Amino acid sequence: MARFLALICLLFLVASCGQIGTISGGPKDEIAPQITSSNLTNKQVNFSEKIIEFTFDEYIELNKPMEQIVLVPADSKIQSKLVKKTLSIGFNDSLQKNTTYTLYLNSAVKDVTEGNDSLMKFTFSTGKVIDSLSLYVRVFDAFSKEWKSKVTVGLYPNFEDKSPRYFTQSQSNGIAHFEALRPGSYFVKAFTDKNQDLHIQQSEMQGFNWDAIIPGSDVTDTLLLPVSLPVQEDKLKNARLIPPGIIGVHVPVDKDGTNILLNGQTLDINQFIGIGEDSLLVSIGEIKEIDLQLIIAEDTLLLRNTPKQQAAKIAVQFIEKEGMQDRFFLSCSDFIQWLDTSKMKLRNMEDSSLVAFDVEFLANQFEIRPKKYAKNYQLSLVEGAILGKTKNVSNKFQKEIAWKQDRDFGDLTIRLTDTIPAGIIHVIQKNVVIRTASFNETDKISLPDLLPGEYTFKVILDRNKNGKWDPISPKFKTLAEEVLLFNTPVKIRSNWEVEVNFEVPLKN
């Protein structure tokens, strides 16, 4: 009996000292599966096996083997089979004689419990020697100039070849590394292989080296390769209803944006207006049908205009326009038919006195030009100040506006070290383009009326002088137009004139 009681006491003592939790098996396994035996070794020559076998030190599973097990050059399709700890890789086709190959297991093998994986690479030759040439290619976005990762880079013996002889993928720093290359000349192509078919599609970013290169001979340094998305076939798209009275739509620049029908009615020139180079605002007017059919240059879009949307009041919005000093700009959600200035008040906030003004409107925008300067204004519109083409009226609106004078702005002159035949400059503040200006045959760019602050700049070398940046054109074998970044901030002060020098790289 005493022995039984002692046992109960001992169990109670052990239970009271324990903590609730899971049983730990020791440190977490963070080591990827290791190969213990194989009939292939790295840098092996005279390889003639039909099947490669890898035996691992633990049970494994395959991760997308059709995508992650890759043979370069891809002279044979491969198939894989896993039995317990052994992976077998077979070749469907005979490998070429006297050829160096590299087999990649790119995260294709991982352990069952922790999922650890790694990149394994084996270079071997069916002949007596291993080819030893290498090539570095660095891929970057042609417009942003940022390094591009996960871009497929291929080497092609002939430019017309659809599939690369050698291929690899760029890393986070944009670098794609080729090794074990056979001597010869190659064309370099890069593309974002979305469907992983090793073929370049029109819908993929791409870049080309139009001239053949010889690794190890005429290319001893890293080859820089810009990529961009070619011009896509543009369509009528992104139509949206802006209640109560406007349809906004993207219209391709090559389409006739003047031949417009809305529910069978041909619109006159006062019922639509272009915004930018590829957008259009269309006035709904007094059409009350719920279903709207918009036809532009034989392309058709369908929209719904519900009774609630039709009954909406016109919304008014203040528009910030950098560099404009003598007037204020506002927009409406309807084309304007009439403005009642008796319902519009502009006050000097310093003494609450009324300030006289002129007003003009076009389509859905209007501008107010005060006749007397004040540092700060308050603009007030009572309900019904604006009558739209829909016969709807505006909501009430109030906005405090600071009016800048010449002395509140600064002027900037940029001197270039070389004359640029044609270019476009983007003025950037806090990663936002606040102004764009074009220039021709000059080594000086003038940018007046900048608000105080810090700015950076992007200059597009407008090769074809069409006033916009053009991406790569495989059809005409032209790369994307070059972009120069000037990321050292330039500080602008009010009532100051600033001059800076920009170094323009000279072409060889």
Protein backbone atom coordinates (compact mmCIF):
# COMPACT_ATOMS: atom_id res chain seq x y z
CA MET A 1 0.00 0.00 0.00
CA ALA A 2 2.81 2.43 0.90
CA ARG A 3 4.51 1.66 -2.42
CA PHE A 4 1.29 2.53 -4.32
CA LEU A 5 0.93 5.89 -2.50
CA ALA A 6 4.53 6.80 -3.22
CA LEU A 7 3.95 6.18 -6.92
CA ILE A 8 0.91 8.49 -6.94
CA CYS A 9 2.92 11.23 -5.21
CA LEU A 10 5.72 10.89 -7.72
CA LEU A 11 3.29 11.18 -10.67
CA PHE A 12 1.69 14.26 -9.10
CA LEU A 13 5.09 15.90 -8.65
CA VAL A 14 6.06 15.26 -12.28
CA ALA A 15 2.72 16.56 -13.63
CA SER A 16 2.81 19.74 -11.54
CA CYS A 17 6.31 20.64 -12.76
CA GLY A 18 5.50 20.18 -16.49
CA GLN A 19 4.37 22.83 -19.04
CA ILE A 20 1.65 22.47 -21.63
CA GLY A 21 3.09 22.50 -25.17
CA THR A 22 4.08 20.47 -28.18
CA ILE A 23 6.82 17.90 -28.17
CA SER A 24 9.95 19.28 -29.83
CA GLY A 25 12.11 17.12 -32.03
CA GLY A 26 15.13 19.38 -31.73
CA PRO A 27 16.33 22.17 -34.07
CA LYS A 28 14.36 22.70 -37.29
CA ASP A 29 15.84 20.98 -40.36
CA GLU A 30 16.90 23.76 -42.73
CA ILE A 31 19.23 21.67 -44.91
CA ALA A 32 18.08 20.74 -48.40
CA PRO A 33 18.24 17.07 -49.46
CA GLN A 34 21.78 15.95 -50.30
CA ILE A 35 22.82 13.55 -53.06
CA THR A 36 24.52 10.43 -51.72
CA SER A 37 25.12 8.65 -55.02
CA SER A 38 24.67 9.24 -58.76
CA ASN A 39 25.86 7.96 -62.11
CA LEU A 40 26.60 11.60 -63.09
CA THR A 41 29.24 13.86 -61.62
CA ASN A 42 29.73 17.54 -62.33
CA LYS A 43 32.19 18.25 -65.21
CA GLN A 44 31.94 14.62 -66.35
CA VAL A 45 33.12 13.89 -69.91
CA ASN A 46 32.29 11.07 -72.31
CA PHE A 47 28.83 10.80 -70.82
CA SER A 48 26.70 8.18 -72.62
CA GLU A 49 23.98 7.13 -70.16
CA LYS A 50 20.32 7.16 -71.21
CA ILE A 51 19.08 7.69 -67.66
CA ILE A 52 20.59 9.77 -64.86
CA GLU A 53 19.93 8.63 -61.32
CA PHE A 54 20.26 10.66 -58.12
CA THR A 55 19.85 9.03 -54.71
CA PHE A 56 19.26 11.40 -51.77
CA ASP A 57 19.89 11.17 -48.05
CA GLU A 58 16.19 11.53 -47.20
CA TYR A 59 12.76 11.04 -48.69
CA ILE A 60 11.96 13.73 -51.23
CA GLU A 61 9.12 14.99 -53.38
CA LEU A 62 9.22 16.73 -56.74
CA ASN A 63 8.19 20.34 -57.26
CA LYS A 64 6.89 21.05 -60.79
CA PRO A 65 9.45 18.76 -62.45
CA MET A 66 8.28 19.61 -65.99
CA GLU A 67 9.21 23.26 -65.35
CA GLN A 68 12.03 23.01 -62.82
CA ILE A 69 14.17 20.23 -64.30
CA VAL A 70 15.87 21.82 -67.32
CA LEU A 71 18.47 20.63 -69.83
CA VAL A 72 20.52 23.27 -71.66
CA PRO A 73 20.87 23.09 -74.63
CA ALA A 74 17.40 21.49 -74.84
CA ASP A 75 18.31 18.82 -77.41
CA SER A 76 16.02 16.30 -75.76
CA LYS A 77 12.80 16.35 -73.84
CA ILE A 78 13.26 14.82 -70.42
CA GLN A 79 11.02 12.84 -68.11
CA SER A 80 11.44 12.21 -64.40
CA LYS A 81 10.46 9.40 -62.06
CA LEU A 82 10.72 9.27 -58.27
CA VAL A 83 10.95 6.02 -56.32
CA LYS A 84 11.48 6.50 -52.57
CA LYS A 85 14.80 8.39 -52.31
CA THR A 86 15.91 7.95 -55.94
CA LEU A 87 15.16 10.38 -58.79
CA SER A 88 15.55 9.07 -62.36
CA ILE A 89 15.81 11.50 -65.28
CA GLY A 90 15.52 10.01 -68.77
CA PHE A 91 16.15 11.50 -72.21
CA ASN A 92 13.46 11.02 -74.85
CA ASP A 93 15.93 11.85 -77.63
CA SER A 94 19.60 11.09 -78.16
CA LEU A 95 22.00 13.79 -77.03
CA GLN A 96 24.29 15.28 -79.65
CA LYS A 97 27.87 14.06 -79.89
CA ASN A 98 30.75 16.15 -78.54
CA THR A 99 28.38 18.58 -76.87
CA THR A 100 28.47 20.14 -73.42
CA TYR A 101 25.18 20.15 -71.48
CA THR A 102 24.04 21.58 -68.18
CA LEU A 103 21.27 19.93 -66.17
CA TYR A 104 19.44 22.21 -63.73
CA LEU A 105 17.32 21.03 -60.81
CA ASN A 106 15.94 24.46 -59.96
CA SER A 107 14.10 23.89 -56.65
CA ALA A 108 12.70 20.75 -58.24
CA VAL A 109 13.64 18.52 -55.28
CA LYS A 110 12.53 19.23 -51.71
CA ASP A 111 12.35 17.17 -48.55
CA VAL A 112 8.99 15.81 -47.48
CA THR A 113 8.83 17.25 -43.94
CA GLU A 114 10.26 20.78 -44.10
CA GLY A 115 10.09 21.53 -47.83
CA ASN A 116 13.76 22.57 -48.06
CA ASP A 117 14.99 22.86 -51.64
CA SER A 118 17.98 24.18 -53.56
CA LEU A 119 19.40 24.82 -57.01
CA MET A 120 21.49 21.90 -58.25
CA LYS A 121 23.49 22.12 -61.45
CA PHE A 122 25.51 19.50 -63.32
CA THR A 123 27.63 20.24 -66.38
CA PHE A 124 28.71 17.28 -68.48
CA SER A 125 29.87 16.48 -71.99
CA THR A 126 29.15 13.72 -74.48
CA GLY A 127 32.67 14.29 -75.82
CA LYS A 128 36.17 14.53 -74.41
CA VAL A 129 36.09 18.20 -73.34
CA ILE A 130 33.84 20.58 -71.42
CA ASP A 131 33.12 23.83 -73.25
CA SER A 132 34.33 26.68 -71.05
CA LEU A 133 33.17 29.99 -72.55
CA SER A 134 30.92 32.18 -70.44
CA LEU A 135 28.82 35.31 -70.95
CA TYR A 136 27.16 37.81 -68.61
CA VAL A 137 24.07 39.71 -69.74
CA ARG A 138 22.42 42.35 -67.54
CA VAL A 139 18.76 43.09 -68.25
CA PHE A 140 17.01 46.36 -67.39
CA ASP A 141 13.68 48.05 -68.04
CA ALA A 142 14.21 50.45 -70.96
CA PHE A 143 11.94 53.16 -69.52
CA SER A 144 12.46 52.97 -65.74
CA LYS A 145 16.11 51.84 -66.03
CA GLU A 146 15.53 49.36 -63.18
CA TRP A 147 17.19 45.93 -63.25
CA LYS A 148 14.76 43.19 -64.33
CA SER A 149 14.61 39.78 -62.68
CA LYS A 150 13.02 36.58 -63.97
CA VAL A 151 13.64 37.49 -67.60
CA THR A 152 14.56 34.60 -69.89
CA VAL A 153 17.73 35.34 -71.87
CA GLY A 154 18.54 33.16 -74.86
CA LEU A 155 21.47 32.68 -77.25
CA TYR A 156 20.52 31.91 -80.87
CA PRO A 157 22.93 30.70 -83.58
CA ASN A 158 20.69 32.41 -86.17
CA PHE A 159 18.55 35.48 -85.56
CA GLU A 160 15.53 33.84 -87.21
CA ASP A 161 15.61 30.84 -84.82
CA LYS A 162 12.47 30.58 -82.72
CA SER A 163 14.01 28.59 -79.85
CA PRO A 164 17.32 29.44 -78.13
CA ARG A 165 20.33 27.11 -78.18
CA TYR A 166 21.26 28.24 -74.67
CA PHE A 167 19.03 30.00 -72.18
CA THR A 168 19.04 31.16 -68.58
CA GLN A 169 17.11 33.57 -66.35
CA SER A 170 18.09 36.93 -64.90
CA GLN A 171 18.46 37.28 -61.14
CA SER A 172 17.31 40.09 -58.82
CA ASN A 173 20.26 42.24 -59.93
CA GLY A 174 19.33 41.77 -63.59
CA ILE A 175 22.31 39.52 -64.34
CA ALA A 176 21.90 36.39 -66.46
CA HIS A 177 24.99 34.16 -66.51
CA PHE A 178 25.81 31.70 -69.29
CA GLU A 179 28.60 29.18 -68.87
CA ALA A 180 29.91 26.09 -70.65
CA LEU A 181 29.25 27.70 -74.02
CA ARG A 182 30.52 26.24 -77.26
CA PRO A 183 32.69 28.67 -79.29
CA GLY A 184 30.73 30.46 -81.98
CA SER A 185 28.64 33.52 -82.72
CA TYR A 186 25.22 34.08 -81.15
CA PHE A 187 22.35 36.52 -81.21
CA VAL A 188 21.06 37.56 -77.77
CA LYS A 189 17.35 37.89 -77.06
CA ALA A 190 15.60 38.52 -73.75
CA PHE A 191 11.91 38.13 -72.98
CA THR A 192 9.48 37.64 -70.09
CA ASP A 193 8.47 34.07 -70.95
CA LYS A 194 4.98 34.17 -69.42
CA ASN A 195 3.82 30.81 -70.75
CA GLN A 196 7.26 29.18 -70.40
CA ASP A 197 7.38 27.94 -73.99
CA LEU A 198 10.77 29.53 -74.80
CA HIS A 199 9.15 31.44 -77.68
CA ILE A 200 8.84 35.23 -77.79
CA GLN A 201 5.26 36.53 -77.83
CA GLN A 202 4.07 40.00 -78.85
CA SER A 203 2.53 40.43 -75.38
CA GLU A 204 5.89 39.91 -73.59
CA MET A 205 8.58 42.45 -72.71
CA GLN A 206 11.55 41.80 -74.96
CA GLY A 207 14.97 43.00 -75.97
CA PHE A 208 17.40 42.07 -78.74
CA ASN A 209 21.02 42.43 -79.68
CA TRP A 210 20.57 42.87 -83.42
CA ASP A 211 24.20 41.99 -84.22
CA ALA A 212 25.79 38.63 -83.51
CA ILE A 213 28.37 38.42 -80.72
CA ILE A 214 31.24 36.02 -80.07
CA PRO A 215 31.57 35.24 -76.33
CA GLY A 216 35.13 35.51 -75.09
CA SER A 217 36.24 37.40 -78.19
CA ASP A 218 34.32 40.60 -78.94
CA VAL A 219 32.39 40.45 -75.65
CA THR A 220 34.60 40.35 -72.58
CA ASP A 221 32.44 42.47 -70.28
CA THR A 222 28.80 42.34 -69.19
CA LEU A 223 26.40 42.96 -72.07
CA LEU A 224 23.66 45.45 -71.15
CA LEU A 225 20.28 44.69 -72.69
CA PRO A 226 17.17 46.91 -72.35
CA VAL A 227 13.73 45.29 -72.53
CA SER A 228 10.36 46.86 -73.23
CA LEU A 229 6.86 45.86 -74.28
CA PRO A 230 6.34 46.42 -78.02
CA VAL A 231 3.44 48.60 -79.13
CA GLN A 232 0.32 46.49 -78.66
CA GLU A 233 -2.70 46.39 -80.91
CA ASP A 234 -4.82 49.08 -79.30
CA LYS A 235 -8.59 48.88 -78.95
CA LEU A 236 -11.49 50.97 -77.75
CA LYS A 237 -11.57 50.18 -74.01
CA ASN A 238 -11.93 51.34 -70.41
CA ALA A 239 -15.27 53.04 -71.01
CA ARG A 240 -16.82 54.33 -67.78
CA LEU A 241 -19.86 56.33 -66.91
CA ILE A 242 -19.37 59.55 -64.92
CA PRO A 243 -22.87 60.42 -63.65
CA PRO A 244 -24.87 62.22 -64.63
CA GLY A 245 -23.58 63.29 -68.00
CA ILE A 246 -20.21 61.96 -69.23
CA ILE A 247 -18.74 58.81 -70.74
CA GLY A 248 -14.96 58.54 -70.49
CA VAL A 249 -13.27 56.15 -72.93
CA HIS A 250 -9.79 55.20 -74.18
CA VAL A 251 -9.54 55.64 -77.94
CA PRO A 252 -6.48 54.38 -79.86
CA VAL A 253 -4.52 57.19 -81.48
CA ASP A 254 -4.93 55.60 -84.92
CA LYS A 255 -8.74 55.64 -84.76
CA ASP A 256 -10.97 58.43 -86.00
CA GLY A 257 -12.22 59.93 -82.74
CA THR A 258 -14.56 62.33 -84.54
CA ASN A 259 -17.01 59.79 -85.95
CA ILE A 260 -19.10 59.09 -82.86
CA LEU A 261 -22.64 57.75 -82.44
CA LEU A 262 -24.47 57.52 -79.12
CA ASN A 263 -27.67 55.44 -79.26
CA GLY A 264 -27.84 56.01 -82.98
CA GLN A 265 -27.36 59.78 -82.83
CA THR A 266 -24.31 61.31 -84.51
CA LEU A 267 -22.60 63.65 -82.05
CA ASP A 268 -21.45 67.09 -83.14
CA ILE A 269 -18.11 68.60 -82.22
CA ASN A 270 -19.52 70.23 -79.05
CA GLN A 271 -20.56 66.90 -77.56
CA PHE A 272 -17.11 65.36 -77.08
CA ILE A 273 -13.60 66.50 -76.22
CA GLY A 274 -10.18 64.85 -76.33
CA ILE A 275 -8.21 64.52 -73.09
CA GLY A 276 -4.53 63.78 -73.66
CA GLU A 277 -3.55 61.82 -76.74
CA ASP A 278 -5.76 58.74 -76.27
CA SER A 279 -8.77 59.60 -74.08
CA LEU A 280 -12.15 61.03 -74.94
CA LEU A 281 -14.99 62.52 -72.89
CA VAL A 282 -18.43 62.15 -74.48
CA SER A 283 -21.52 64.09 -73.41
CA ILE A 284 -24.61 61.95 -72.75
CA GLY A 285 -26.88 64.98 -73.08
CA GLU A 286 -30.59 64.45 -72.65
CA ILE A 287 -30.61 60.77 -73.61
CA LYS A 288 -32.64 58.95 -70.92
CA GLU A 289 -32.34 55.34 -72.05
CA ILE A 290 -30.82 52.96 -69.51
CA ASP A 291 -28.87 51.05 -72.16
CA LEU A 292 -26.27 53.15 -73.95
CA GLN A 293 -24.56 52.13 -77.19
CA LEU A 294 -21.40 54.07 -78.02
CA ILE A 295 -19.89 53.63 -81.50
CA ILE A 296 -16.52 55.19 -82.33
CA ALA A 297 -14.98 54.48 -85.73
CA GLU A 298 -17.07 51.28 -86.05
CA ASP A 299 -16.07 49.95 -82.62
CA THR A 300 -18.99 49.46 -80.24
CA LEU A 301 -19.23 49.68 -76.45
CA LEU A 302 -22.30 49.05 -74.29
CA LEU A 303 -22.97 50.75 -70.95
CA ARG A 304 -25.88 51.06 -68.49
CA ASN A 305 -27.13 54.41 -67.20
CA THR A 306 -29.50 53.67 -64.31
CA PRO A 307 -32.26 56.08 -63.21
CA LYS A 308 -30.25 56.82 -60.05
CA GLN A 309 -27.22 57.80 -62.14
CA GLN A 310 -29.37 59.90 -64.46
CA ALA A 311 -30.80 61.84 -61.48
CA ALA A 312 -27.43 62.59 -59.87
CA LYS A 313 -26.40 66.17 -59.17
CA ILE A 314 -23.38 67.51 -61.08
CA ALA A 315 -20.19 67.18 -59.03
CA VAL A 316 -17.58 69.95 -59.16
CA GLN A 317 -13.84 69.33 -58.67
CA PHE A 318 -10.87 71.69 -58.38
CA ILE A 319 -8.01 70.88 -60.78
CA GLU A 320 -4.41 71.40 -59.73
CA LYS A 321 -2.44 72.70 -62.72
CA GLU A 322 1.24 73.21 -62.02
CA GLY A 323 2.70 76.40 -63.43
CA MET A 324 -0.60 78.26 -64.02
CA GLN A 325 -0.72 81.44 -61.96
CA ASP A 326 -3.49 83.77 -63.14
CA ARG A 327 -6.55 81.52 -63.03
CA PHE A 328 -8.20 78.55 -61.32
CA PHE A 329 -9.46 75.45 -63.12
CA LEU A 330 -12.45 73.29 -62.19
CA SER A 331 -14.19 70.36 -63.82
CA CYS A 332 -17.73 68.96 -63.74
CA SER A 333 -19.33 65.55 -64.15
CA ASP A 334 -21.43 66.91 -67.04
CA PHE A 335 -20.80 69.09 -70.06
CA ILE A 336 -21.72 72.67 -69.13
CA GLN A 337 -24.67 74.38 -70.79
CA TRP A 338 -24.78 77.49 -68.63
CA LEU A 339 -23.10 79.08 -65.58
CA ASP A 340 -25.01 81.37 -63.18
CA THR A 341 -22.33 83.73 -61.85
CA SER A 342 -24.82 85.19 -59.34
CA LYS A 343 -24.56 81.85 -57.52
CA MET A 344 -20.75 81.94 -57.48
CA LYS A 345 -18.80 83.90 -54.89
CA LEU A 346 -15.05 84.52 -54.63
CA ARG A 347 -13.88 86.03 -51.33
CA ASN A 348 -10.58 87.36 -50.05
CA MET A 349 -10.10 85.25 -46.92
CA GLU A 350 -8.04 88.00 -45.30
CA ASP A 351 -10.96 90.43 -44.97
CA SER A 352 -13.93 88.41 -46.35
CA SER A 353 -14.41 90.97 -49.13
CA LEU A 354 -15.85 89.84 -52.46
CA VAL A 355 -13.47 89.70 -55.42
CA ALA A 356 -14.69 90.24 -58.98
CA PHE A 357 -13.74 87.61 -61.54
CA ASP A 358 -14.20 86.49 -65.13
CA VAL A 359 -15.34 82.99 -65.97
CA GLU A 360 -15.16 80.89 -69.14
CA PHE A 361 -16.14 77.30 -69.84
CA LEU A 362 -15.51 74.62 -72.44
CA ALA A 363 -17.04 71.14 -72.43
CA ASN A 364 -16.92 69.99 -68.78
CA GLN A 365 -14.32 72.48 -67.49
CA PHE A 366 -14.43 76.12 -66.47
CA GLU A 367 -11.84 78.61 -65.31
CA ILE A 368 -12.04 81.58 -62.97
CA ARG A 369 -9.71 84.56 -63.35
CA PRO A 370 -9.74 86.89 -60.32
CA LYS A 371 -9.46 90.60 -61.09
CA LYS A 372 -7.69 91.35 -57.83
CA TYR A 373 -4.82 89.57 -56.13
CA ALA A 374 -5.29 87.96 -52.74
CA LYS A 375 -3.07 85.48 -51.01
CA ASN A 376 -5.95 83.14 -50.19
CA TYR A 377 -9.42 82.88 -51.68
CA GLN A 378 -12.58 81.02 -50.85
CA LEU A 379 -14.65 79.95 -53.85
CA SER A 380 -18.29 79.09 -53.13
CA LEU A 381 -20.95 77.74 -55.50
CA VAL A 382 -24.49 77.34 -54.26
CA GLU A 383 -26.60 74.48 -55.57
CA GLY A 384 -27.70 75.11 -59.14
CA ALA A 385 -24.81 77.37 -60.12
CA ILE A 386 -24.15 75.09 -63.12
CA LEU A 387 -26.69 73.72 -65.58
CA GLY A 388 -25.49 70.69 -67.52
CA LYS A 389 -26.33 69.30 -70.94
CA THR A 390 -28.41 66.65 -69.14
CA LYS A 391 -30.53 69.51 -67.64
CA ASN A 392 -29.24 68.46 -64.22
CA VAL A 393 -27.78 71.11 -61.90
CA SER A 394 -24.67 71.18 -59.74
CA ASN A 395 -24.26 70.42 -56.05
CA LYS A 396 -23.00 73.12 -53.72
CA PHE A 397 -19.22 73.46 -53.68
CA GLN A 398 -16.67 75.30 -51.57
CA LYS A 399 -12.89 75.41 -51.85
CA GLU A 400 -10.09 77.44 -50.28
CA ILE A 401 -7.46 78.34 -52.86
CA ALA A 402 -3.98 79.78 -52.39
CA TRP A 403 -2.99 82.04 -55.30
CA LYS A 404 0.67 82.09 -56.15
CA GLN A 405 2.43 85.12 -57.64
CA ASP A 406 5.56 85.20 -59.77
CA ARG A 407 7.71 85.67 -56.69
CA ASP A 408 6.31 82.45 -55.20
CA PHE A 409 7.83 80.39 -58.02
CA GLY A 410 11.35 79.57 -59.13
CA ASP A 411 12.81 79.18 -62.61
CA LEU A 412 15.14 76.41 -63.70
CA THR A 413 17.54 76.30 -66.65
CA ILE A 414 19.12 72.96 -67.53
CA ARG A 415 22.27 73.05 -69.65
CA LEU A 416 23.14 69.84 -71.49
CA THR A 417 26.69 68.82 -72.34
CA ASP A 418 25.58 67.91 -75.86
CA THR A 419 22.90 69.10 -78.27
CA ILE A 420 19.87 66.82 -78.35
CA PRO A 421 18.07 66.72 -81.74
CA ALA A 422 14.70 66.05 -80.10
CA GLY A 423 13.71 65.16 -76.57
CA ILE A 424 11.04 65.07 -73.89
CA ILE A 425 11.73 65.98 -70.27
CA HIS A 426 9.69 64.74 -67.32
CA VAL A 427 9.85 66.89 -64.19
CA ILE A 428 9.39 64.58 -61.21
CA GLN A 429 8.55 65.36 -57.60
CA LYS A 430 8.03 62.58 -55.04
CA ASN A 431 7.92 59.97 -57.85
CA VAL A 432 5.12 61.84 -59.64
CA VAL A 433 5.55 63.49 -63.06
CA ILE A 434 4.27 67.05 -62.55
CA ARG A 435 5.29 68.53 -65.89
CA THR A 436 6.29 67.33 -69.35
CA ALA A 437 7.96 69.46 -71.99
CA SER A 438 9.31 68.74 -75.48
CA PHE A 439 12.36 70.37 -77.05
CA ASN A 440 14.31 70.25 -80.33
CA GLU A 441 17.89 70.89 -81.41
CA THR A 442 19.06 72.41 -78.16
CA ASP A 443 21.53 72.06 -75.35
CA LYS A 444 19.40 74.14 -72.97
CA ILE A 445 15.99 73.42 -71.39
CA SER A 446 14.06 76.20 -69.63
CA LEU A 447 11.49 75.29 -66.98
CA PRO A 448 9.82 78.41 -65.54
CA ASP A 449 7.30 78.69 -62.70
CA LEU A 450 8.25 75.71 -60.53
CA LEU A 451 6.97 75.64 -56.98
CA PRO A 452 9.66 75.50 -54.29
CA GLY A 453 10.86 71.98 -53.57
CA GLU A 454 13.17 69.25 -54.82
CA TYR A 455 12.89 67.76 -58.31
CA THR A 456 14.45 64.96 -60.32
CA PHE A 457 14.28 64.52 -64.09
CA LYS A 458 13.89 61.98 -66.86
CA VAL A 459 14.92 62.87 -70.42
CA ILE A 460 13.67 60.82 -73.37
CA LEU A 461 15.77 60.98 -76.53
CA ASP A 462 12.93 61.28 -79.04
CA ARG A 463 14.57 59.53 -81.97
CA ASN A 464 11.64 59.82 -84.41
CA LYS A 465 10.47 63.24 -83.13
CA ASN A 466 6.89 62.13 -82.52
CA GLY A 467 6.65 63.66 -79.05
CA LYS A 468 6.40 60.41 -77.09
CA TRP A 469 8.54 57.52 -75.85
CA ASP A 470 8.61 54.58 -78.27
CA PRO A 471 9.33 51.03 -77.08
CA ILE A 472 11.13 48.29 -78.99
CA SER A 473 10.00 47.51 -82.54
CA PRO A 474 10.94 43.97 -83.63
CA LYS A 475 9.43 44.69 -87.06
CA PHE A 476 11.78 47.61 -87.77
CA LYS A 477 14.65 46.24 -85.63
CA THR A 478 14.83 49.31 -83.42
CA LEU A 479 15.37 49.31 -79.68
CA ALA A 480 13.31 51.40 -77.29
CA GLU A 481 14.20 55.07 -77.31
CA GLU A 482 16.90 55.83 -74.78
CA VAL A 483 15.94 57.32 -71.43
CA LEU A 484 18.37 59.36 -69.30
CA LEU A 485 17.77 59.61 -65.55
CA PHE A 486 18.98 62.55 -63.49
CA ASN A 487 18.21 61.44 -59.96
CA THR A 488 20.31 63.95 -58.02
CA PRO A 489 17.65 66.29 -56.58
CA VAL A 490 17.63 69.90 -57.78
CA LYS A 491 16.31 72.32 -55.16
CA ILE A 492 14.09 75.17 -56.31
CA ARG A 493 13.48 78.24 -54.17
CA SER A 494 10.81 80.88 -54.60
CA ASN A 495 11.85 83.96 -56.59
CA TRP A 496 15.17 82.32 -57.57
CA GLU A 497 16.64 81.35 -60.91
CA VAL A 498 18.59 78.09 -60.76
CA GLU A 499 20.94 76.72 -63.42
CA VAL A 500 22.26 73.14 -63.46
CA ASN A 501 24.39 71.10 -65.86
CA PHE A 502 23.34 67.64 -67.04
CA GLU A 503 25.91 65.24 -68.45
CA VAL A 504 24.59 63.66 -71.65
CA PRO A 505 26.48 60.45 -72.51
CA LEU A 506 28.08 60.73 -75.93
CA LYS A 507 27.50 57.95 -78.43
CA ASN A 508 30.47 56.15 -79.92
